[in-house]
Protein backbone atom coordinates (compact mmCIF):
# COMPACT_ATOMS: atom_id res chain seq x y z
CA MET A 1 0.00 0.00 0.00
CA THR A 2 2.69 2.52 0.96
CA GLN A 3 4.64 1.68 -2.20
CA TYR A 4 1.54 2.58 -4.21
CA ILE A 5 1.38 5.93 -2.37
CA PHE A 6 5.06 6.56 -3.18
CA ASN A 7 4.66 5.64 -6.86
CA SER A 8 1.59 7.88 -7.15
CA GLY A 9 3.56 10.74 -5.56
CA ILE A 10 6.39 10.31 -8.08
CA ASP A 11 3.93 10.14 -10.98
CA SER A 12 2.35 13.42 -9.81
CA LEU A 13 5.81 15.01 -9.52
CA LYS A 14 6.72 13.97 -13.08
CA GLN A 15 3.43 15.38 -14.37
CA ALA A 16 4.13 18.65 -12.55
CA LEU A 17 7.59 18.89 -14.16
CA ASP A 18 6.14 18.12 -17.58
CA HIS A 19 3.59 20.95 -17.18
CA LEU A 20 6.33 23.33 -15.97
CA ASN A 21 8.37 22.57 -19.10
CA GLN A 22 5.26 23.07 -21.24
CA TYR A 23 4.60 26.38 -19.50
CA GLU A 24 8.14 27.58 -20.22
CA MET A 25 7.73 26.73 -23.90
CA THR A 26 4.19 27.96 -24.52
CA ASN A 27 3.43 30.48 -21.73
CA ASP A 28 0.04 28.76 -21.55
CA HIS A 29 -1.18 29.51 -18.01
CA LYS A 30 -3.16 26.29 -17.75
CA HIS A 31 0.18 24.41 -17.60
CA LEU A 32 1.30 26.46 -14.60
CA ARG A 33 -2.02 25.75 -12.89
CA PHE A 34 -1.77 22.00 -13.56
CA ALA A 35 1.87 21.96 -12.44
CA LEU A 36 0.83 23.60 -9.18
CA ILE A 37 -1.97 21.10 -8.52
CA HIS A 38 0.20 18.06 -9.36
CA LEU A 39 3.14 19.32 -7.30
CA ASP A 40 0.96 19.96 -4.25
CA GLY A 41 -0.55 16.47 -4.59
CA SER A 42 2.90 14.92 -4.96
CA ILE A 43 4.15 16.54 -1.75
CA GLU A 44 1.10 15.33 0.18
CA LEU A 45 1.54 11.73 -1.01
CA LEU A 46 5.29 11.64 -0.35
CA LEU A 47 4.79 13.11 3.13
CA LEU A 48 2.15 10.47 3.86
CA LYS A 49 4.53 7.72 2.75
CA SER A 50 7.34 8.89 5.05
CA LEU A 51 4.98 9.30 8.02
CA ILE A 52 3.44 5.84 7.57
CA ASP A 53 6.92 4.29 7.27
CA LYS A 54 7.84 5.87 10.63
CA GLY A 55 4.65 4.57 12.26
CA ILE A 56 3.19 8.07 12.65
CA ASN A 57 -0.59 8.34 12.63
CA VAL A 58 -1.87 9.95 9.42
CA MET A 59 -5.61 9.77 10.19
CA ASP A 60 -7.61 12.57 11.75
CA LYS A 61 -10.32 12.14 14.41
CA PHE A 62 -12.92 11.64 11.67
CA GLY A 63 -11.01 8.70 10.19
CA LYS A 64 -9.86 10.65 7.13
CA THR A 65 -6.30 11.05 5.89
CA LYS A 66 -4.70 14.23 7.20
CA GLY A 67 -4.21 16.99 4.66
CA ILE A 68 -0.87 18.35 3.48
CA LEU A 69 -0.52 21.06 6.16
CA ASN A 70 -1.19 18.60 9.01
CA CYS A 71 1.17 16.09 7.40
CA LEU A 72 3.82 18.80 7.20
CA ASP A 73 3.41 19.53 10.93
CA GLU A 74 3.63 15.80 11.74
CA PHE A 75 6.76 15.55 9.59
CA LYS A 76 8.39 18.46 11.41
CA LYS A 77 7.56 17.00 14.83
CA GLY A 78 8.01 13.29 14.12
CA ILE A 79 11.08 13.37 11.91
CA ILE A 80 12.82 16.75 11.81
CA GLU A 81 12.58 17.38 15.59
CA ASP A 82 12.55 13.82 17.02
CA GLN A 83 15.51 12.73 14.86
CA ALA A 84 17.31 16.07 14.90
CA GLU A 85 20.69 14.53 15.82
CA GLU A 86 20.81 12.19 12.83
CA GLU A 87 23.29 13.45 10.22
CA ALA A 88 20.88 12.91 7.35
CA VAL A 89 18.16 14.93 9.10
CA LYS A 90 20.61 17.72 9.90
CA GLU A 91 21.46 17.87 6.21
CA LEU A 92 17.81 17.77 5.19
CA LYS A 93 16.92 20.70 7.48
CA GLN A 94 19.18 22.93 5.39
CA PHE A 95 17.19 22.25 2.24
CA ILE A 96 13.55 22.03 3.33
CA TYR A 97 11.68 25.29 2.71
CA PHE A 98 8.65 24.75 4.96
CA ASN A 99 7.22 28.25 4.48
CA GLU A 100 7.38 27.89 0.69
CA ILE A 101 5.55 24.56 0.84
CA VAL A 102 2.75 26.22 2.84
CA LEU A 103 2.64 29.13 0.37
CA LEU A 104 2.54 26.67 -2.54
CA HIS A 105 -0.50 24.99 -0.99
CA ARG A 106 -2.25 28.36 -0.65
CA TYR A 107 -1.54 29.08 -4.32
CA ARG A 108 -2.89 25.62 -5.16
CA ASN A 109 -6.18 26.37 -3.35
CA GLU A 110 -6.45 29.66 -5.20
CA ALA A 111 -5.85 27.98 -8.55
CA GLN A 112 -8.22 25.11 -7.76
CA HIS A 113 -11.14 27.12 -6.40
CA ILE A 114 -10.81 30.52 -8.07
CA GLY A 115 -9.32 29.25 -11.33
CA SER A 116 -6.65 31.94 -11.64
CA ILE A 117 -3.16 32.63 -10.30
CA THR A 118 -1.86 35.99 -9.08
CA LYS A 119 1.81 37.02 -8.84
CA GLU A 120 3.08 34.34 -11.21
CA ASP A 121 6.73 35.37 -10.93
CA GLN A 122 6.55 34.93 -7.16
CA LEU A 123 4.90 31.52 -7.63
CA ILE A 124 7.68 30.38 -9.98
CA GLU A 125 10.27 31.26 -7.32
CA ILE A 126 8.27 29.34 -4.70
CA ILE A 127 7.94 26.31 -6.98
CA ASN A 128 11.69 26.27 -7.61
CA LYS A 129 12.45 26.30 -3.87
CA VAL A 130 9.88 23.55 -3.26
CA LEU A 131 11.46 21.42 -5.99
CA GLU A 132 14.88 21.87 -4.38
CA SER A 133 13.30 20.74 -1.09
CA LEU A 134 11.77 17.70 -2.79
CA MET A 135 15.09 16.67 -4.32
CA ALA A 136 16.77 16.73 -0.87
CA TYR A 137 13.75 15.02 0.73
CA LEU A 138 13.75 12.15 -1.78
CA ASP A 139 17.50 11.69 -1.36
CA VAL A 140 17.55 11.69 2.47
CA ILE A 141 14.24 9.99 3.31
CA PHE A 142 13.94 7.51 0.44
CA ASN A 143 17.48 7.36 -0.95
CA ARG A 144 16.01 8.05 -4.39
CA SER A 145 16.72 10.50 -7.16
CA ILE A 146 14.33 11.28 -10.03
CA VAL A 147 16.02 11.97 -13.38
CA GLU A 148 13.41 14.52 -14.50
CA LEU A 149 13.70 16.42 -11.22
CA ASP A 150 17.51 16.40 -11.21
CA SER A 151 17.52 17.70 -14.77
CA TYR A 152 15.09 20.52 -13.93
CA ILE A 153 17.07 21.57 -10.85
CA ARG A 154 20.37 21.55 -12.78
CA LYS A 155 18.78 23.85 -15.33
CA LEU A 156 17.83 26.26 -12.54
CA GLY A 157 21.29 26.36 -11.01
CA ARG A 158 23.37 26.51 -14.17
CA VAL A 159 25.15 29.71 -15.11
CA MET A 160 23.56 30.96 -18.31
CA TYR A 161 25.34 32.17 -21.42
CA PRO A 162 24.42 35.66 -22.75
CA LEU A 163 21.96 34.52 -25.41
CA GLU A 164 20.23 32.21 -22.91
CA LEU A 165 19.69 35.22 -20.65
CA TYR A 166 18.34 37.13 -23.64
CA PHE A 167 15.87 34.27 -24.25
CA GLU A 168 14.80 34.45 -20.57
CA GLU A 169 14.08 38.17 -21.05
CA ALA A 170 11.84 37.25 -23.99
CA ASN A 171 10.00 34.66 -21.86
CA LYS A 172 9.50 37.29 -19.15
CA LEU A 173 7.80 39.55 -21.71
CA MET A 174 5.51 36.65 -22.62
CA ARG A 175 4.62 36.07 -18.95
CA GLU A 176 3.78 39.79 -18.66
CA ASN A 177 1.39 39.29 -21.59
CA ARG A 178 3.52 41.51 -23.85
CA ILE A 179 3.15 38.81 -26.49
CA LYS A 180 4.13 40.73 -29.61
CA GLU A 181 7.25 42.19 -27.95
CA GLY A 182 8.18 38.74 -26.62
CA ILE A 183 7.88 37.11 -30.03
CA LEU A 184 9.97 39.80 -31.71
CA LYS A 185 12.61 39.44 -28.99
CA LYS A 186 12.62 35.65 -29.45
CA PHE A 187 13.15 36.12 -33.16
CA ASN A 188 16.03 38.44 -32.31
CA VAL A 189 17.45 35.64 -30.12
CA ILE A 190 17.22 33.27 -33.10
CA ASP A 191 18.90 35.83 -35.33
CA ASN A 192 21.80 36.18 -32.87
CA LEU A 193 22.06 32.42 -32.33
CA ILE A 194 22.21 31.76 -36.07
CA THR A 195 24.90 34.44 -36.53
CA ASN A 196 26.94 33.12 -33.60
CA ILE A 197 26.69 29.45 -34.62
CA TYR A 198 27.15 30.05 -38.32
CA GLU A 199 30.29 32.10 -37.76
CA ASN A 200 31.66 29.30 -35.56
CA LEU A 201 30.89 26.60 -38.11
CA ILE A 202 31.38 28.37 -41.43
CA MET A 203 33.76 31.10 -40.18
CA GLU A 204 31.89 34.08 -41.62
CA ILE A 205 28.46 35.31 -42.65
CA LYS A 206 28.31 35.72 -46.41
CA ASN A 207 26.28 38.89 -46.23
CA PRO A 208 26.39 41.04 -43.05
CA SER A 209 22.99 42.64 -43.83
CA TYR A 210 21.35 39.35 -44.68
CA SER A 211 17.75 38.86 -45.78
CA ARG A 212 14.93 36.52 -44.77
CA GLU A 213 16.14 34.02 -47.36
CA ASP A 214 19.65 34.12 -45.88
CA ILE A 215 18.31 33.44 -42.37
CA ILE A 216 16.45 30.38 -43.67
CA GLU A 217 19.52 29.18 -45.56
CA TYR A 218 21.83 29.58 -42.54
CA PHE A 219 19.37 27.79 -40.25
CA ASP A 220 19.02 24.86 -42.65
CA GLU A 221 22.81 24.56 -42.93
CA ILE A 222 23.14 24.47 -39.14
CA ILE A 223 20.56 21.71 -38.64
CA LYS A 224 22.25 19.59 -41.31
CA ASN A 225 25.38 19.41 -39.15
CA GLU A 226 25.07 15.85 -37.83
CA GLU A 227 27.90 16.26 -35.35
CA LEU A 228 25.99 18.93 -33.41
CA ILE A 229 22.37 17.96 -34.07
CA LYS A 230 22.16 14.57 -32.41
CA ARG A 231 19.00 14.30 -30.33
CA TYR A 232 16.52 15.02 -33.14
CA SER A 233 15.29 12.67 -35.86
CA LYS A 234 15.35 13.68 -39.53
CA GLU A 235 11.54 13.86 -39.49
CA GLU A 236 11.59 16.27 -36.52
CA LEU A 237 14.22 18.47 -38.15
CA ASP A 238 12.33 18.57 -41.46
CA LYS A 239 9.14 19.57 -39.63
CA ILE A 240 10.90 22.29 -37.63
CA SER A 241 12.67 23.56 -40.76
CA ASN A 242 9.35 23.87 -42.61
CA GLU A 243 7.79 25.67 -39.64
CA PHE A 244 10.75 28.02 -39.46
CA HIS A 245 10.46 28.91 -43.16
CA SER A 246 6.88 29.93 -42.49
CA ILE A 247 7.41 31.88 -39.26
CA VAL A 248 10.30 33.91 -40.68
CA TYR A 249 7.82 35.55 -43.06
CA ASP A 250 5.19 35.84 -40.31
CA VAL A 251 7.62 37.62 -37.99
CA PHE A 252 8.81 40.03 -40.69
CA PHE A 253 5.14 40.79 -41.36
CA ILE A 254 4.49 41.40 -37.62
CA MET A 255 7.49 43.75 -37.46
CA ASN A 256 5.97 45.98 -40.11
CA SER A 257 2.32 45.88 -39.12
CA ASN A 258 0.08 47.67 -36.67
CA ASP A 259 -2.07 45.71 -34.20
CA ASP A 260 -4.17 43.33 -36.23
CA PRO A 261 -6.70 40.76 -34.92
CA TYR A 262 -5.42 38.18 -37.43
CA ILE A 263 -1.91 38.47 -35.98
CA GLU A 264 -3.11 38.08 -32.39
CA ILE A 265 -4.84 34.80 -33.27
CA ASN A 266 -1.61 33.34 -34.62
CA LEU A 267 0.86 34.59 -32.01
CA THR A 268 0.57 31.55 -29.73
CA GLU A 269 1.20 29.18 -32.63
CA ILE A 270 4.19 31.25 -33.76
CA ASN A 271 5.55 31.27 -30.19
CA ILE A 272 5.46 27.45 -30.00
CA SER A 273 7.35 27.16 -33.30
CA LEU A 274 9.91 29.76 -32.20
CA ASN A 275 10.53 27.80 -28.98
CA SER A 276 11.19 24.60 -30.98
CA VAL A 277 13.73 26.42 -33.14
CA ILE A 278 15.38 28.10 -30.15
CA ASP A 279 15.64 24.75 -28.34
CA ILE A 280 17.72 23.33 -31.20
CA LEU A 281 19.86 26.41 -31.66
CA LEU A 282 20.53 26.82 -27.93
CA ASN A 283 21.75 23.22 -27.70
CA VAL A 284 24.21 23.87 -30.53
CA TYR A 285 25.20 27.24 -29.01
CA ARG A 286 25.86 25.66 -25.58
CA SER A 287 27.91 22.90 -27.17
CA LEU A 288 30.08 25.38 -29.03
CA LYS A 289 30.47 27.55 -25.92
CA MET A 290 31.58 24.56 -23.84
CA LYS A 291 34.10 23.54 -26.51
CA GLU A 292 35.39 27.11 -26.55
CA GLU A 293 35.78 27.11 -22.74
CA MET A 294 37.56 23.74 -22.79
CA SER A 295 39.91 25.05 -25.46
CA ASP A 296 40.66 28.19 -23.42
CA ASN A 297 41.30 26.11 -20.30
CA SER A 298 43.71 23.81 -22.12
CA ILE A 299 45.70 26.82 -23.35
CA THR A 300 45.97 28.33 -19.86
């Protein structure tokens, strides 16, 4: 029974991470809401599992399972305080953000019952701290690590290269609902990534003031480089290339147009395609940057 609770908690965690990744790519607020609900449910289940394993009562006076806040209190009393001298618990205390878990639950209630989320940037910060807590909790209490969680946390803690930071600025504009500005900034990120990568691979841009056709040509040359483009199938690359050909013209049209209802309808679709292109180009960009750093280190 307790193994089922644990497995369900991990499944909910993975679903939360999947929705967080979808939210980053699409800025679709429903994914943030679902991530919040799944993450809150995951914490409750994993707390229940640890309490049951320690023989701590998880039922209230009405014979129902205690909710997440009561489970959190029981965890603090029954494990964090009662086993305070254990080295593993001492380590865990440094990484558990109890206040953030409580705040997350309040956000979850708001999202569940009201249907909307306020102060999204603050919520993202809370979610990131809660995920760090969960990683430490799983390691210390269950001696387990979850690949998807480790990958997400590494992404949070990694020092970003300049164009990655520029991409984050574009995502911030999207979260602020400045959709058109965000899309134009993302296209600017793509433009800079293509220039940077192409100059690394081909040594120089043929035409410094290049056109839409040049951008398409340079992109297609980059994604044909099998040494750098490894994780994508030919079918995926062909699909993304075709999408990119289309959105280049869409973006140039947006740049030169006033607000138009037709454009607004298509912005979400364009944003998804831009994210797919940026994902590929950023992977190549990071790879080249790391090679450059390794080369510099070997010289020094």
